[in-house]
């Protein structure tokens, strides 16, 4: 009787293990089907993306016929970035040239304004007026020379 009880217990244990194994197998089977479905969905999405990519690349595909679409996109992006870099460099060069020309224009305008202040009234003046302007300019130059001499003496004194 004891032997039968042990055998019965063993059978129940084996049945429990068998039920557990069957449930585990069914769970694994469900997970495998889910993974297979996800893989199929991913493959379908990838195929759709490849098709869309081929449509997008069709206009430029003659330049990149020997390459994979992803390599083609990479090359297109690299070409774009290289062109953008050279455009940026040209823009900076043009901007620097523009700044240089603006400075030159301001210098020339200053010189022109100075020359016009001296020349126009001088041309319009009578001979006596011209002498007065020249005398005034001479006094200005003498005062500037005196100021420079004084500065030179101060510098010499400080040394």
C-alpha atoms as a PDB file:
ATOM      1  CA  UNK A   1       0.000   0.000   0.000  1.00  0.00           C
ATOM      2  CA  UNK A   2       2.801   2.306   0.874  1.00  0.00           C
ATOM      3  CA  UNK A   3       4.384   1.499  -2.426  1.00  0.00           C
ATOM      4  CA  UNK A   4       1.177   2.408  -4.220  1.00  0.00           C
ATOM      5  CA  UNK A   5       1.001   5.685  -2.349  1.00  0.00           C
ATOM      6  CA  UNK A   6       4.566   6.523  -3.375  1.00  0.00           C
ATOM      7  CA  UNK A   7       3.816   5.588  -6.950  1.00  0.00           C
ATOM      8  CA  UNK A   8       0.651   7.673  -6.876  1.00  0.00           C
ATOM      9  CA  UNK A   9       2.585  10.616  -5.422  1.00  0.00           C
ATOM     10  CA  UNK A  10       5.234  10.194  -8.127  1.00  0.00           C
ATOM     11  CA  UNK A  11       2.562  10.112 -10.815  1.00  0.00           C
ATOM     12  CA  UNK A  12       0.897  13.226  -9.414  1.00  0.00           C
ATOM     13  CA  UNK A  13       4.277  14.965  -9.292  1.00  0.00           C
ATOM     14  CA  UNK A  14       5.043  13.940 -12.858  1.00  0.00           C
ATOM     15  CA  UNK A  15       1.587  15.083 -13.948  1.00  0.00           C
ATOM     16  CA  UNK A  16       2.107  18.439 -12.199  1.00  0.00           C
ATOM     17  CA  UNK A  17       5.505  18.765 -13.859  1.00  0.00           C
ATOM     18  CA  UNK A  18       3.966  17.744 -17.140  1.00  0.00           C
ATOM     19  CA  UNK A  19       1.172  20.334 -16.743  1.00  0.00           C
ATOM     20  CA  UNK A  20       3.744  22.968 -15.839  1.00  0.00           C
ATOM     21  CA  UNK A  21       5.897  21.992 -18.819  1.00  0.00           C
ATOM     22  CA  UNK A  22       2.847  22.100 -21.091  1.00  0.00           C
ATOM     23  CA  UNK A  23       1.935  25.569 -19.777  1.00  0.00           C
ATOM     24  CA  UNK A  24       5.512  26.735 -20.229  1.00  0.00           C
ATOM     25  CA  UNK A  25       5.555  25.328 -23.747  1.00  0.00           C
ATOM     26  CA  UNK A  26       2.249  27.050 -24.540  1.00  0.00           C
ATOM     27  CA  UNK A  27       3.611  30.321 -23.134  1.00  0.00           C
ATOM     28  CA  UNK A  28       6.779  29.960 -25.209  1.00  0.00           C
ATOM     29  CA  UNK A  29       4.680  29.139 -28.267  1.00  0.00           C
ATOM     30  CA  UNK A  30       2.546  32.290 -27.727  1.00  0.00           C
ATOM     31  CA  UNK A  31       5.670  34.428 -27.270  1.00  0.00           C
ATOM     32  CA  UNK A  32       7.228  32.905 -30.395  1.00  0.00           C
ATOM     33  CA  UNK A  33       4.084  33.730 -32.423  1.00  0.00           C
ATOM     34  CA  UNK A  34       4.074  37.298 -31.039  1.00  0.00           C
ATOM     35  CA  UNK A  35       7.751  37.711 -31.912  1.00  0.00           C
ATOM     36  CA  UNK A  36       7.115  36.267 -35.374  1.00  0.00           C
ATOM     37  CA  UNK A  37       4.247  38.733 -35.878  1.00  0.00           C
ATOM     38  CA  UNK A  38       6.425  41.640 -34.716  1.00  0.00           C
ATOM     39  CA  UNK A  39       9.231  40.513 -37.007  1.00  0.00           C
ATOM     40  CA  UNK A  40       6.812  40.333 -39.934  1.00  0.00           C
ATOM     41  CA  UNK A  41       5.515  43.835 -39.105  1.00  0.00           C
ATOM     42  CA  UNK A  42       9.078  45.177 -38.888  1.00  0.00           C
ATOM     43  CA  UNK A  43       9.993  43.547 -42.200  1.00  0.00           C
ATOM     44  CA  UNK A  44       6.854  45.020 -43.809  1.00  0.00           C
ATOM     45  CA  UNK A  45       7.679  48.482 -42.430  1.00  0.00           C
ATOM     46  CA  UNK A  46      11.243  48.157 -43.655  1.00  0.00           C
ATOM     47  CA  UNK A  47      10.062  47.141 -47.123  1.00  0.00           C
ATOM     48  CA  UNK A  48       7.676  50.121 -47.199  1.00  0.00           C
ATOM     49  CA  UNK A  49      10.476  52.435 -46.098  1.00  0.00           C
ATOM     50  CA  UNK A  50      12.809  51.024 -48.739  1.00  0.00           C
ATOM     51  CA  UNK A  51      10.146  51.579 -51.387  1.00  0.00           C
ATOM     52  CA  UNK A  52       9.566  55.155 -50.198  1.00  0.00           C
ATOM     53  CA  UNK A  53      13.313  55.693 -50.146  1.00  0.00           C
ATOM     54  CA  UNK A  54      13.646  54.501 -53.727  1.00  0.00           C
ATOM     55  CA  UNK A  55      10.879  56.915 -54.756  1.00  0.00           C
ATOM     56  CA  UNK A  56      12.625  59.779 -52.964  1.00  0.00           C
ATOM     57  CA  UNK A  57      16.000  58.914 -54.459  1.00  0.00           C
ATOM     58  CA  UNK A  58      14.679  58.361 -57.979  1.00  0.00           C
ATOM     59  CA  UNK A  59      15.580  61.900 -59.182  1.00  0.00           C
ATOM     60  CA  UNK A  60      19.182  61.546 -58.068  1.00  0.00           C
ATOM     61  CA  UNK A  61      19.582  57.811 -58.434  1.00  0.00           C
ATOM     62  CA  UNK A  62      21.473  58.205 -61.704  1.00  0.00           C
ATOM     63  CA  UNK A  63      24.330  59.720 -59.680  1.00  0.00           C
ATOM     64  CA  UNK A  64      24.286  56.975 -57.063  1.00  0.00           C
ATOM     65  CA  UNK A  65      23.147  53.881 -58.985  1.00  0.00           C
ATOM     66  CA  UNK A  66      26.004  51.735 -57.750  1.00  0.00           C
ATOM     67  CA  UNK A  67      25.251  52.386 -54.066  1.00  0.00           C
ATOM     68  CA  UNK A  68      22.925  51.248 -51.367  1.00  0.00           C
ATOM     69  CA  UNK A  69      20.099  53.738 -50.623  1.00  0.00           C
ATOM     70  CA  UNK A  70      21.404  54.427 -47.133  1.00  0.00           C
ATOM     71  CA  UNK A  71      24.856  55.133 -48.520  1.00  0.00           C
ATOM     72  CA  UNK A  72      23.220  57.365 -51.121  1.00  0.00           C
ATOM     73  CA  UNK A  73      21.477  59.370 -48.425  1.00  0.00           C
ATOM     74  CA  UNK A  74      24.691  59.608 -46.477  1.00  0.00           C
ATOM     75  CA  UNK A  75      26.495  60.854 -49.582  1.00  0.00           C
ATOM     76  CA  UNK A  76      23.736  63.348 -50.323  1.00  0.00           C
ATOM     77  CA  UNK A  77      23.913  64.684 -46.772  1.00  0.00           C
ATOM     78  CA  UNK A  78      27.709  64.893 -46.946  1.00  0.00           C
ATOM     79  CA  UNK A  79      27.502  66.699 -50.292  1.00  0.00           C
ATOM     80  CA  UNK A  80      24.952  69.112 -48.845  1.00  0.00           C
ATOM     81  CA  UNK A  81      27.059  69.790 -45.750  1.00  0.00           C
ATOM     82  CA  UNK A  82      30.198  70.317 -47.836  1.00  0.00           C
ATOM     83  CA  UNK A  83      28.345  72.752 -50.096  1.00  0.00           C
ATOM     84  CA  UNK A  84      26.892  74.482 -47.045  1.00  0.00           C
ATOM     85  CA  UNK A  85      30.382  74.813 -45.546  1.00  0.00           C
ATOM     86  CA  UNK A  86      31.790  76.326 -48.728  1.00  0.00           C
ATOM     87  CA  UNK A  87      28.769  78.646 -48.959  1.00  0.00           C
ATOM     88  CA  UNK A  88      29.327  79.729 -45.360  1.00  0.00           C
ATOM     89  CA  UNK A  89      33.000  80.389 -46.113  1.00  0.00           C
ATOM     90  CA  UNK A  90      32.092  82.422 -49.199  1.00  0.00           C
ATOM     91  CA  UNK A  91      29.522  84.339 -47.152  1.00  0.00           C
ATOM     92  CA  UNK A  92      32.143  85.148 -44.505  1.00  0.00           C
ATOM     93  CA  UNK A  93      34.586  86.260 -47.212  1.00  0.00           C
ATOM     94  CA  UNK A  94      31.953  88.489 -48.813  1.00  0.00           C
ATOM     95  CA  UNK A  95      31.034  89.895 -45.420  1.00  0.00           C
ATOM     96  CA  UNK A  96      34.674  90.662 -44.593  1.00  0.00           C
ATOM     97  CA  UNK A  97      35.092  92.338 -47.983  1.00  0.00           C
ATOM     98  CA  UNK A  98      31.892  94.305 -47.356  1.00  0.00           C
ATOM     99  CA  UNK A  99      33.209  95.469 -43.970  1.00  0.00           C
ATOM    100  CA  UNK A 100      36.527  96.469 -45.547  1.00  0.00           C
ATOM    101  CA  UNK A 101      34.717  98.422 -48.263  1.00  0.00           C
ATOM    102  CA  UNK A 102      32.524 100.147 -45.662  1.00  0.00           C
ATOM    103  CA  UNK A 103      35.606 101.242 -43.708  1.00  0.00           C
ATOM    104  CA  UNK A 104      37.247 102.443 -46.900  1.00  0.00           C
ATOM    105  CA  UNK A 105      34.062 104.335 -47.843  1.00  0.00           C
ATOM    106  CA  UNK A 106      33.933 106.015 -44.429  1.00  0.00           C
ATOM    107  CA  UNK A 107      37.600 107.022 -44.753  1.00  0.00           C
ATOM    108  CA  UNK A 108      37.010 108.422 -48.223  1.00  0.00           C
ATOM    109  CA  UNK A 109      33.864 110.254 -47.098  1.00  0.00           C
ATOM    110  CA  UNK A 110      35.799 111.849 -44.250  1.00  0.00           C
ATOM    111  CA  UNK A 111      38.553 112.972 -46.616  1.00  0.00           C
ATOM    112  CA  UNK A 112      36.011 114.225 -49.136  1.00  0.00           C
ATOM    113  CA  UNK A 113      34.094 116.184 -46.489  1.00  0.00           C
ATOM    114  CA  UNK A 114      37.346 117.747 -45.264  1.00  0.00           C
ATOM    115  CA  UNK A 115      38.429 118.651 -48.790  1.00  0.00           C
ATOM    116  CA  UNK A 116      34.985 120.037 -49.615  1.00  0.00           C
ATOM    117  CA  UNK A 117      34.977 122.184 -46.460  1.00  0.00           C
ATOM    118  CA  UNK A 118      38.277 123.682 -47.549  1.00  0.00           C
ATOM    119  CA  UNK A 119      37.820 123.734 -51.330  1.00  0.00           C
ATOM    120  CA  UNK A 120      34.236 124.863 -51.934  1.00  0.00           C
ATOM    121  CA  UNK A 121      34.326 128.051 -49.860  1.00  0.00           C
ATOM    122  CA  UNK A 122      37.821 128.749 -51.116  1.00  0.00           C
ATOM    123  CA  UNK A 123      36.745 128.479 -54.761  1.00  0.00           C
ATOM    124  CA  UNK A 124      33.728 130.722 -54.212  1.00  0.00           C
ATOM    125  CA  UNK A 125      35.676 133.433 -52.407  1.00  0.00           C
ATOM    126  CA  UNK A 126      37.088 136.619 -53.873  1.00  0.00           C
ATOM    127  CA  UNK A 127      40.868 137.057 -53.870  1.00  0.00           C
ATOM    128  CA  UNK A 128      40.710 138.962 -50.556  1.00  0.00           C
ATOM    129  CA  UNK A 129      38.492 136.227 -49.065  1.00  0.00           C
ATOM    130  CA  UNK A 130      40.952 133.600 -50.252  1.00  0.00           C
ATOM    131  CA  UNK A 131      43.748 135.434 -48.451  1.00  0.00           C
ATOM    132  CA  UNK A 132      41.645 135.514 -45.297  1.00  0.00           C
ATOM    133  CA  UNK A 133      40.993 131.756 -45.505  1.00  0.00           C
ATOM    134  CA  UNK A 134      44.680 131.062 -46.101  1.00  0.00           C
ATOM    135  CA  UNK A 135      45.578 133.300 -43.163  1.00  0.00           C
ATOM    136  CA  UNK A 136      43.100 131.468 -40.917  1.00  0.00           C
ATOM    137  CA  UNK A 137      44.451 128.117 -42.041  1.00  0.00           C
ATOM    138  CA  UNK A 138      47.997 129.356 -41.411  1.00  0.00           C
ATOM    139  CA  UNK A 139      47.031 130.426 -37.862  1.00  0.00           C
ATOM    140  CA  UNK A 140      45.437 127.007 -37.270  1.00  0.00           C
ATOM    141  CA  UNK A 141      48.588 125.254 -38.453  1.00  0.00           C
ATOM    142  CA  UNK A 142      50.775 127.516 -36.262  1.00  0.00           C
ATOM    143  CA  UNK A 143      48.643 126.790 -33.188  1.00  0.00           C
ATOM    144  CA  UNK A 144      48.779 123.060 -33.971  1.00  0.00           C
ATOM    145  CA  UNK A 145      52.573 123.276 -34.348  1.00  0.00           C
ATOM    146  CA  UNK A 146      52.833 125.141 -31.015  1.00  0.00           C
ATOM    147  CA  UNK A 147      50.694 122.500 -29.332  1.00  0.00           C
ATOM    148  CA  UNK A 148      52.874 119.734 -30.775  1.00  0.00           C
ATOM    149  CA  UNK A 149      56.055 121.539 -29.643  1.00  0.00           C
ATOM    150  CA  UNK A 150      54.612 121.881 -26.148  1.00  0.00           C
ATOM    151  CA  UNK A 151      53.736 118.174 -26.088  1.00  0.00           C
ATOM    152  CA  UNK A 152      57.237 117.328 -27.317  1.00  0.00           C
ATOM    153  CA  UNK A 153      58.760 119.457 -24.532  1.00  0.00           C
ATOM    154  CA  UNK A 154      56.561 117.738 -21.953  1.00  0.00           C
ATOM    155  CA  UNK A 155      57.577 114.354 -23.262  1.00  0.00           C
ATOM    156  CA  UNK A 156      61.234 115.413 -23.260  1.00  0.00           C
ATOM    157  CA  UNK A 157      60.857 116.775 -19.731  1.00  0.00           C
ATOM    158  CA  UNK A 158      59.282 113.539 -18.537  1.00  0.00           C
ATOM    159  CA  UNK A 159      62.083 111.476 -20.002  1.00  0.00           C
END
